[in-house]
């Protein structure tokens, strides 16, 4: 309750409300802004419109949370989604026309996420995983099975909580590392030749795009914005296709470095940080006209 009052007080003192994720807190801010006649923005990332009941994942599993999220999304001045697939999901989930939805991809800093030197013959996956449901949403159980079928290859998974890494024991060729700093994460990207994103669900994966900017050859499942991000510069397989994922990883490791270079150019061209910044400024400036 203390946080709710803080949010309401904050909205009364400001001109615009900007929320990342259509969460319960965002709903309080957005509904308050609507009552006061102030504009609000909600950035939808994916979990905030997810309803994966079997995996216990997604805000929409909860009836009261989904009710608040629906109210917030409908009342927002603009709902920004990071991929076209989320536009459709938001409109369907909320059951409205979605006229306030705009696709505005995440922007990435190609000056920070850069390649460096020769790549190792290894496979990298990065996922912030602190729950069993998220472990499966990110497809790490699938990755472990694939790694068992490729015992001669080295896999590294960054971002898994240490407790979960004992619950889901990885095969001997998979090295699990807890969350690291951005600088250390950059080094992991720069070393790995292949980046694997085996997710069951994604919006527009930050880690996939960061890895591609670092010259990794991507292998990913066909969920969310992954297909658009990769294009022809990597390998996309059906979700849950273990043999396809294994053969895709093997193929990617045999590809020339120029494929990783092309992957970098694609992300730098499609999702520059400056483009997102410019559009956000335009949206704010439109409010004053």
Protein backbone atom coordinates (compact mmCIF):
# COMPACT_ATOMS: atom_id res chain seq x y z
CA UNK A 1 0.00 0.00 0.00
CA UNK A 2 2.89 2.35 0.72
CA UNK A 3 4.13 1.96 -2.86
CA UNK A 4 0.66 2.57 -4.26
CA UNK A 5 0.40 5.89 -2.44
CA UNK A 6 3.91 6.83 -3.55
CA UNK A 7 2.98 6.14 -7.18
CA UNK A 8 -0.25 8.15 -6.96
CA UNK A 9 1.58 11.05 -5.35
CA UNK A 10 4.27 10.87 -8.00
CA UNK A 11 1.71 11.02 -10.82
CA UNK A 12 0.12 14.15 -9.35
CA UNK A 13 3.52 15.88 -9.46
CA UNK A 14 4.53 15.05 -13.00
CA UNK A 15 3.45 15.70 -16.59
CA UNK A 16 3.84 12.29 -18.23
CA UNK A 17 3.80 8.72 -16.93
CA UNK A 18 6.19 6.22 -18.56
CA UNK A 19 6.12 2.59 -17.44
CA UNK A 20 8.20 -0.40 -18.51
CA UNK A 21 5.93 -3.50 -18.41
CA UNK A 22 2.15 -3.46 -17.95
CA UNK A 23 2.50 -4.50 -14.32
CA UNK A 24 0.27 -3.90 -11.32
CA UNK A 25 2.37 -0.85 -10.41
CA UNK A 26 2.09 0.43 -13.97
CA UNK A 27 -1.69 0.02 -13.83
CA UNK A 28 -1.89 2.18 -10.70
CA UNK A 29 0.19 4.89 -12.39
CA UNK A 30 -1.66 4.72 -15.70
CA UNK A 31 -5.16 4.67 -14.22
CA UNK A 32 -4.26 7.61 -11.95
CA UNK A 33 -2.90 9.51 -14.96
CA UNK A 34 -6.10 8.80 -16.88
CA UNK A 35 -8.26 10.15 -14.05
CA UNK A 36 -6.10 13.29 -13.88
CA UNK A 37 -6.10 13.76 -17.64
CA UNK A 38 -2.37 13.14 -18.01
CA UNK A 39 -0.78 11.10 -20.81
CA UNK A 40 0.88 7.77 -20.10
CA UNK A 41 3.08 5.32 -21.94
CA UNK A 42 3.41 1.60 -21.29
CA UNK A 43 6.23 -0.47 -22.78
CA UNK A 44 5.17 -4.11 -23.15
CA UNK A 45 8.04 -6.57 -22.96
CA UNK A 46 6.32 -9.98 -23.06
CA UNK A 47 5.83 -11.40 -19.56
CA UNK A 48 3.19 -8.73 -18.94
CA UNK A 49 0.88 -10.28 -21.57
CA UNK A 50 1.95 -13.90 -21.09
CA UNK A 51 -0.35 -16.63 -19.82
CA UNK A 52 1.68 -19.86 -19.74
CA UNK A 53 -0.27 -21.70 -17.07
CA UNK A 54 1.59 -25.01 -17.40
CA UNK A 55 4.86 -23.24 -16.67
CA UNK A 56 3.47 -20.83 -14.10
CA UNK A 57 4.67 -17.90 -16.20
CA UNK A 58 2.98 -14.63 -17.02
CA UNK A 59 1.06 -11.87 -15.32
CA UNK A 60 -2.21 -12.98 -16.96
CA UNK A 61 -2.34 -16.21 -14.98
CA UNK A 62 -3.68 -14.08 -12.12
CA UNK A 63 -7.28 -12.86 -12.68
CA UNK A 64 -6.89 -9.69 -10.60
CA UNK A 65 -3.51 -8.79 -12.10
CA UNK A 66 -4.81 -9.33 -15.61
CA UNK A 67 -7.84 -7.16 -14.81
CA UNK A 68 -5.59 -4.28 -13.76
CA UNK A 69 -3.26 -4.79 -16.72
CA UNK A 70 -6.21 -4.71 -19.14
CA UNK A 71 -7.45 -1.43 -17.64
CA UNK A 72 -4.00 0.13 -17.85
CA UNK A 73 -3.37 -0.89 -21.45
CA UNK A 74 -6.75 0.42 -22.59
CA UNK A 75 -6.24 3.76 -20.84
CA UNK A 76 -2.63 4.38 -21.87
CA UNK A 77 -1.98 7.19 -24.32
CA UNK A 78 0.43 4.89 -26.15
CA UNK A 79 1.38 1.24 -25.71
CA UNK A 80 4.84 0.54 -27.08
CA UNK A 81 5.69 -3.06 -28.00
CA UNK A 82 9.15 -4.27 -28.96
CA UNK A 83 7.96 -6.59 -31.77
CA UNK A 84 5.04 -6.94 -34.15
CA UNK A 85 4.11 -10.30 -32.60
CA UNK A 86 3.41 -8.51 -29.32
CA UNK A 87 1.06 -6.03 -31.00
CA UNK A 88 -1.19 -8.93 -31.99
CA UNK A 89 -0.91 -10.60 -28.60
CA UNK A 90 -1.72 -7.42 -26.66
CA UNK A 91 -4.82 -6.70 -28.76
CA UNK A 92 -5.99 -10.30 -28.46
CA UNK A 93 -5.29 -10.61 -24.75
CA UNK A 94 -6.92 -7.31 -23.82
CA UNK A 95 -9.75 -7.87 -26.32
CA UNK A 96 -9.72 -4.42 -27.90
CA UNK A 97 -8.85 -2.83 -31.26
CA UNK A 98 -5.37 -1.78 -30.13
CA UNK A 99 -5.42 1.63 -31.79
CA UNK A 100 -3.00 2.97 -29.14
CA UNK A 101 -0.35 0.29 -29.84
CA UNK A 102 2.87 1.14 -31.67
CA UNK A 103 5.77 -1.16 -32.50
CA UNK A 104 9.00 0.43 -31.27
CA UNK A 105 11.86 -2.08 -31.05
CA UNK A 106 14.44 -1.95 -28.31
CA UNK A 107 17.55 -0.03 -29.32
CA UNK A 108 21.05 -1.47 -28.98
CA UNK A 109 24.41 0.27 -28.61
CA UNK A 110 26.59 -1.09 -31.42
CA UNK A 111 29.54 0.91 -30.09
CA UNK A 112 29.52 -1.05 -26.83
CA UNK A 113 28.48 -4.49 -28.12
CA UNK A 114 31.35 -5.15 -30.52
CA UNK A 115 33.36 -8.18 -31.71
CA UNK A 116 36.95 -8.68 -30.64
CA UNK A 117 39.44 -11.01 -32.29
CA UNK A 118 39.17 -14.71 -33.04
CA UNK A 119 36.14 -16.66 -31.86
CA UNK A 120 36.27 -19.89 -29.85
CA UNK A 121 34.48 -23.01 -31.07
CA UNK A 122 31.85 -22.76 -28.36
CA UNK A 123 28.14 -22.12 -27.83
CA UNK A 124 26.78 -19.42 -25.53
CA UNK A 125 23.32 -18.85 -24.04
CA UNK A 126 22.44 -15.94 -21.75
CA UNK A 127 19.25 -15.84 -19.69
CA UNK A 128 18.32 -14.14 -16.43
CA UNK A 129 16.79 -17.16 -14.69
CA UNK A 130 15.68 -17.11 -11.06
CA UNK A 131 12.63 -19.42 -11.13
CA UNK A 132 11.82 -22.88 -12.43
CA UNK A 133 9.18 -21.46 -14.76
CA UNK A 134 11.62 -19.01 -16.31
CA UNK A 135 14.19 -21.80 -16.67
CA UNK A 136 11.75 -23.61 -18.95
CA UNK A 137 10.45 -20.48 -20.70
CA UNK A 138 14.03 -19.76 -21.74
CA UNK A 139 14.31 -23.37 -22.97
CA UNK A 140 17.31 -24.26 -20.84
CA UNK A 141 15.96 -27.75 -20.25
CA UNK A 142 15.90 -28.12 -24.05
CA UNK A 143 19.44 -26.78 -24.29
CA UNK A 144 20.69 -29.29 -21.72
CA UNK A 145 19.17 -32.15 -23.73
CA UNK A 146 20.73 -30.83 -26.92
CA UNK A 147 24.11 -30.51 -25.20
CA UNK A 148 23.91 -34.15 -24.14
CA UNK A 149 23.53 -35.11 -27.79
CA UNK A 150 26.62 -33.03 -28.68
CA UNK A 151 29.15 -34.19 -26.07
CA UNK A 152 32.15 -32.96 -28.07
CA UNK A 153 30.99 -29.32 -27.92
CA UNK A 154 31.39 -26.78 -25.15
CA UNK A 155 28.33 -24.84 -23.96
CA UNK A 156 28.22 -21.90 -21.56
CA UNK A 157 25.03 -20.60 -19.93
CA UNK A 158 25.23 -17.22 -18.18
CA UNK A 159 22.65 -15.84 -15.75
CA UNK A 160 21.23 -18.88 -13.95
CA UNK A 161 20.64 -18.65 -10.22
CA UNK A 162 22.96 -21.05 -8.38
CA UNK A 163 20.07 -22.80 -6.63
CA UNK A 164 18.46 -23.64 -9.97
CA UNK A 165 21.73 -24.91 -11.39
CA UNK A 166 21.70 -27.57 -8.66
CA UNK A 167 18.02 -28.42 -9.28
CA UNK A 168 18.57 -28.83 -13.03
CA UNK A 169 21.95 -30.55 -13.17
CA UNK A 170 23.67 -29.68 -16.47
CA UNK A 171 25.57 -32.24 -18.53
CA UNK A 172 29.35 -32.24 -18.21
CA UNK A 173 29.91 -30.13 -21.34
CA UNK A 174 27.68 -27.27 -20.10
CA UNK A 175 29.23 -24.63 -17.82
CA UNK A 176 26.65 -22.63 -15.87
CA UNK A 177 27.63 -19.15 -14.67
CA UNK A 178 25.58 -16.81 -12.41
CA UNK A 179 24.65 -13.31 -13.57
CA UNK A 180 27.65 -11.14 -14.47
CA UNK A 181 28.32 -7.45 -15.11
CA UNK A 182 27.82 -5.95 -18.58
CA UNK A 183 31.57 -5.76 -19.14
CA UNK A 184 32.02 -9.43 -18.28
CA UNK A 185 29.00 -10.35 -20.40
CA UNK A 186 30.58 -8.54 -23.34
CA UNK A 187 33.65 -10.77 -23.01
CA UNK A 188 31.48 -13.90 -23.13
CA UNK A 189 29.79 -12.67 -26.31
CA UNK A 190 33.12 -11.81 -27.88
CA UNK A 191 34.57 -15.28 -27.28
CA UNK A 192 31.67 -17.48 -28.43
CA UNK A 193 31.23 -18.28 -32.11
CA UNK A 194 27.59 -19.38 -31.76
CA UNK A 195 24.82 -17.90 -29.67
CA UNK A 196 21.86 -20.21 -28.98
CA UNK A 197 18.41 -18.91 -27.94
CA UNK A 198 16.23 -22.02 -27.31
CA UNK A 199 13.31 -20.10 -25.76
CA UNK A 200 9.71 -21.22 -25.70
CA UNK A 201 8.69 -17.57 -25.60
CA UNK A 202 10.34 -14.20 -26.37
CA UNK A 203 9.50 -10.61 -27.17
CA UNK A 204 12.58 -9.20 -28.85
CA UNK A 205 15.48 -10.87 -27.07
CA UNK A 206 18.07 -8.39 -25.79
CA UNK A 207 20.68 -11.09 -25.39
CA UNK A 208 20.18 -12.44 -28.91
CA UNK A 209 20.64 -8.97 -30.40
CA UNK A 210 23.63 -8.16 -28.18
CA UNK A 211 25.29 -11.43 -29.16
CA UNK A 212 24.74 -10.77 -32.86
CA UNK A 213 26.28 -7.32 -32.47
CA UNK A 214 29.33 -9.08 -31.02
CA UNK A 215 29.62 -11.24 -34.14
CA UNK A 216 28.05 -14.42 -32.79
CA UNK A 217 26.24 -16.62 -35.32
CA UNK A 218 22.69 -17.02 -33.95
CA UNK A 219 20.69 -20.23 -33.63
CA UNK A 220 17.23 -19.64 -32.18
CA UNK A 221 13.68 -20.92 -31.96
CA UNK A 222 10.95 -19.28 -34.03
CA UNK A 223 9.29 -17.31 -31.24
CA UNK A 224 8.54 -13.60 -30.90
CA UNK A 225 10.99 -11.32 -32.65
CA UNK A 226 13.80 -13.86 -33.01
CA UNK A 227 12.99 -14.70 -36.63
CA UNK A 228 12.95 -11.04 -37.61
CA UNK A 229 16.17 -10.33 -35.74
CA UNK A 230 18.06 -13.18 -37.41
CA UNK A 231 16.70 -12.98 -40.96
CA UNK A 232 19.08 -14.84 -43.26
CA UNK A 233 22.05 -14.35 -40.94
CA UNK A 234 21.78 -17.45 -38.79
CA UNK A 235 19.52 -20.44 -38.17
CA UNK A 236 15.91 -20.53 -36.94
CA UNK A 237 14.26 -23.79 -35.85
CA UNK A 238 10.84 -24.77 -34.58
CA UNK A 239 10.28 -24.48 -30.83
CA UNK A 240 10.99 -27.77 -29.08
CA UNK A 241 12.73 -29.32 -32.12
CA UNK A 242 15.74 -30.83 -30.34
CA UNK A 243 17.26 -32.52 -33.38
CA UNK A 244 16.79 -29.36 -35.45
CA UNK A 245 18.44 -27.27 -32.75
CA UNK A 246 21.36 -29.70 -32.44
CA UNK A 247 21.97 -29.83 -36.20
CA UNK A 248 21.57 -26.05 -36.39
CA UNK A 249 24.26 -25.54 -33.76
CA UNK A 250 26.58 -27.94 -35.59
CA UNK A 251 25.98 -26.14 -38.89
CA UNK A 252 26.51 -22.71 -37.35
CA UNK A 253 29.86 -23.73 -35.85
CA UNK A 254 30.98 -24.68 -39.36
CA UNK A 255 29.96 -21.37 -40.92
CA UNK A 256 32.56 -18.75 -41.87
CA UNK A 257 33.11 -15.66 -39.71
CA UNK A 258 31.48 -13.45 -42.33
CA UNK A 259 28.09 -14.81 -41.22
CA UNK A 260 28.72 -13.34 -37.76
CA UNK A 261 29.80 -10.08 -39.39
CA UNK A 262 26.54 -9.99 -41.36
CA UNK A 263 24.58 -10.72 -38.18
CA UNK A 264 26.18 -7.71 -36.54
CA UNK A 265 25.35 -5.46 -39.47
CA UNK A 266 21.72 -6.61 -39.43
CA UNK A 267 21.13 -5.69 -35.78
CA UNK A 268 23.04 -2.41 -36.11
CA UNK A 269 20.81 -1.52 -39.06
CA UNK A 270 17.44 -2.72 -37.72
CA UNK A 271 17.64 -1.74 -34.06
CA UNK A 272 19.96 1.23 -33.48
CA UNK A 273 19.66 2.87 -30.08
CA UNK A 274 19.39 6.30 -31.71
CA UNK A 275 16.24 5.37 -33.65
CA UNK A 276 14.38 4.44 -30.47
CA UNK A 277 15.57 7.59 -28.71
CA UNK A 278 14.42 9.79 -31.61
CA UNK A 279 10.96 8.21 -31.75
CA UNK A 280 10.48 8.55 -27.98
CA UNK A 281 11.37 12.25 -28.25
CA UNK A 282 8.87 12.65 -31.10
CA UNK A 283 6.12 11.04 -29.05
CA UNK A 284 6.82 13.34 -26.09
CA UNK A 285 6.99 16.41 -28.31
CA UNK A 286 3.64 15.51 -29.88
CA UNK A 287 2.03 15.86 -26.47
CA UNK A 288 2.85 19.57 -26.38
CA UNK A 289 1.36 20.40 -29.76
